[in-house]
Protein backbone atom coordinates (compact mmCIF):
# COMPACT_ATOMS: atom_id res chain seq x y z
CA MET A 1 0.00 0.02 0.22
CA ILE A 2 3.01 2.43 0.68
CA LEU A 3 4.06 2.30 -2.84
CA LEU A 4 0.45 3.23 -4.16
CA GLU A 5 0.56 6.21 -1.96
CA GLU A 6 3.30 7.55 -4.18
CA LYS A 7 1.53 6.57 -7.56
CA PRO A 8 -0.92 4.56 -8.95
CA SER A 9 0.35 1.15 -10.42
CA ASN A 10 -0.37 -1.90 -11.82
CA GLY A 11 0.93 -4.91 -10.41
CA TYR A 12 3.77 -5.60 -12.95
CA GLN A 13 4.62 -2.20 -11.85
CA LEU A 14 4.50 -2.73 -8.13
CA ILE A 15 6.80 -6.13 -8.62
CA GLN A 16 9.23 -4.23 -10.52
CA GLU A 17 9.60 -1.40 -8.05
CA LEU A 18 9.61 -3.74 -5.08
CA THR A 19 12.51 -5.73 -6.66
CA GLU A 20 14.23 -2.45 -7.61
CA ARG A 21 14.12 -1.14 -3.83
CA SER A 22 15.14 -4.21 -2.23
CA ASN A 23 18.33 -4.36 -4.48
CA ASP A 24 16.92 -7.68 -6.19
CA THR A 25 16.40 -9.37 -3.04
CA TRP A 26 12.56 -9.47 -3.00
CA ARG A 27 10.99 -10.33 -6.12
CA PRO A 28 7.29 -10.85 -5.35
CA SER A 29 5.57 -13.21 -7.60
CA PRO A 30 2.29 -12.20 -9.79
CA GLY A 31 0.57 -14.99 -7.65
CA SER A 32 1.25 -12.83 -4.32
CA ILE A 33 0.79 -9.41 -5.47
CA TYR A 34 -2.70 -9.65 -7.54
CA PRO A 35 -4.48 -11.60 -4.68
CA VAL A 36 -3.39 -8.81 -2.39
CA LEU A 37 -4.52 -6.19 -4.66
CA GLN A 38 -7.59 -7.85 -5.09
CA GLN A 39 -8.25 -8.16 -1.09
CA LEU A 40 -7.32 -4.63 -0.85
CA GLU A 41 -9.84 -3.73 -3.42
CA ASP A 42 -12.39 -5.86 -1.60
CA GLU A 43 -11.73 -3.96 1.61
CA GLY A 44 -12.05 -0.71 -0.27
CA LEU A 45 -8.58 0.38 0.53
CA VAL A 46 -7.68 0.61 -3.29
CA GLU A 47 -9.64 1.50 -6.23
CA ALA A 48 -8.94 -0.39 -9.69
CA SER A 49 -9.21 1.36 -13.11
CA THR A 50 -8.87 -0.57 -16.43
CA SER A 51 -6.53 0.80 -18.68
CA GLY A 52 -5.70 -1.11 -21.92
CA THR A 53 -5.47 -4.64 -20.98
CA GLY A 54 -4.78 -4.39 -17.36
CA ARG A 55 -5.77 -2.72 -14.26
CA THR A 56 -4.18 0.07 -12.54
CA TYR A 57 -4.70 0.44 -8.64
CA ALA A 58 -4.85 3.66 -6.67
CA LEU A 59 -5.18 4.21 -3.07
CA SER A 60 -8.75 5.28 -2.10
CA ASP A 61 -9.80 7.66 0.66
CA SER A 62 -10.01 4.76 3.18
CA GLY A 63 -6.56 3.48 2.17
CA ARG A 64 -4.90 6.91 2.34
CA GLN A 65 -6.58 7.13 5.89
CA LEU A 66 -4.93 3.88 6.88
CA VAL A 67 -1.73 4.32 5.45
CA ASN A 68 -1.55 8.03 7.36
CA ASP A 69 -2.74 6.00 10.56
CA GLN A 70 -0.44 3.17 10.44
CA ARG A 71 2.58 4.14 8.57
CA GLU A 72 5.03 3.24 11.10
CA GLN A 73 3.45 -0.39 11.45
CA LEU A 74 3.28 -0.70 7.57
CA GLY A 75 7.08 0.58 7.34
CA ARG A 76 9.06 0.25 4.15
CA PRO A 77 8.97 -3.60 3.50
CA TRP A 78 11.46 -3.52 0.97
CA GLU A 79 14.25 -2.18 3.28
CA ASN A 80 13.33 -5.53 5.40
CA THR A 81 13.46 -8.17 2.73
CA ASP A 82 17.27 -9.08 3.18
CA GLY A 83 17.21 -9.55 6.89
CA GLY A 84 20.44 -7.72 6.83
CA ALA A 85 21.79 -9.57 4.09
CA ASN A 86 25.09 -8.52 2.95
CA VAL A 87 27.33 -8.68 -0.42
CA SER A 88 27.53 -12.51 0.03
CA ALA A 89 23.87 -13.13 0.23
CA ARG A 90 23.29 -10.77 -2.84
CA GLU A 91 25.95 -12.70 -4.75
CA LEU A 92 24.33 -15.86 -3.95
CA MET A 93 20.81 -14.70 -5.29
CA GLY A 94 22.64 -13.21 -8.19
CA THR A 95 24.53 -16.48 -9.16
CA GLY A 96 21.20 -18.42 -8.44
CA ARG A 97 19.31 -16.44 -11.12
CA GLN A 98 22.12 -16.64 -13.54
CA VAL A 99 21.73 -20.41 -13.11
CA MET A 100 18.08 -20.25 -13.78
CA LEU A 101 18.79 -18.30 -17.00
CA ALA A 102 21.19 -20.80 -18.09
CA ALA A 103 18.76 -23.74 -17.25
CA ARG A 104 16.32 -21.95 -19.34
CA GLN A 105 18.66 -21.66 -22.24
CA VAL A 106 19.62 -25.39 -22.11
CA LEU A 107 15.81 -26.25 -22.09
CA ILE A 108 15.09 -23.94 -25.10
CA ALA A 109 18.20 -24.88 -27.00
CA GLY A 110 19.26 -28.26 -25.74
CA SER A 111 18.74 -31.61 -26.64
CA GLU A 112 16.91 -34.15 -24.63
CA ALA A 113 20.34 -35.73 -23.32
CA GLN A 114 21.59 -32.14 -22.47
CA VAL A 115 18.04 -31.19 -20.72
CA ALA A 116 18.24 -34.49 -18.59
CA LYS A 117 22.07 -33.71 -17.87
CA ALA A 118 21.19 -30.33 -16.70
CA THR A 119 18.32 -31.83 -14.48
CA THR A 120 20.71 -34.04 -12.84
CA ILE A 121 23.12 -31.16 -12.19
CA LEU A 122 20.47 -29.16 -10.68
CA SER A 123 19.23 -31.84 -8.45
CA ASP A 124 22.88 -32.37 -7.36
CA ALA A 125 23.24 -28.90 -6.53
CA ARG A 126 19.89 -28.81 -4.82
CA ARG A 127 21.05 -31.65 -2.53
CA ALA A 128 24.29 -29.98 -1.96
CA LEU A 129 22.77 -27.03 -0.54
CA TYR A 130 20.74 -28.47 1.66
CA SER A 131 23.69 -30.52 2.89
CA ILE A 132 25.33 -27.21 3.72
CA LEU A 133 22.42 -26.49 5.92
CA ALA A 134 22.68 -30.01 7.57
CA GLU A 135 26.22 -29.42 8.48
CA GLY A 136 25.57 -26.40 10.52
CA ASP A 137 27.91 -23.46 10.90
CA ASP A 138 30.76 -25.65 13.03
CA ALA A 139 31.56 -27.73 9.62
């Protein structure tokens, strides 16, 4: 709701803005943004207008009043998304995104054998990541 106080936006714009403001540590999915927007609309806190093929959401008078009354409790959620993440955390997430892009390329351009090999590599990587957590900090 805080972002809608600044300017009316559609769901995609909200996702982009949250991603940017969180320095790419939080990228909400459409499956999380649109139900929230629908709930806020049902509660009369936002008003939707149809523009082109999508809907743009703006705070209603009730929504503006709620933001003013609860500004401190609402905070700036994009600032709390990394839980104090440091450079290492951002690097890990960036590398994860790069791996997913590479996997997508293999899926698009690779043969069945290459896709199968990539699937095995990613499965092994997933298991290895979980084993890091299982080891604890002492290892």
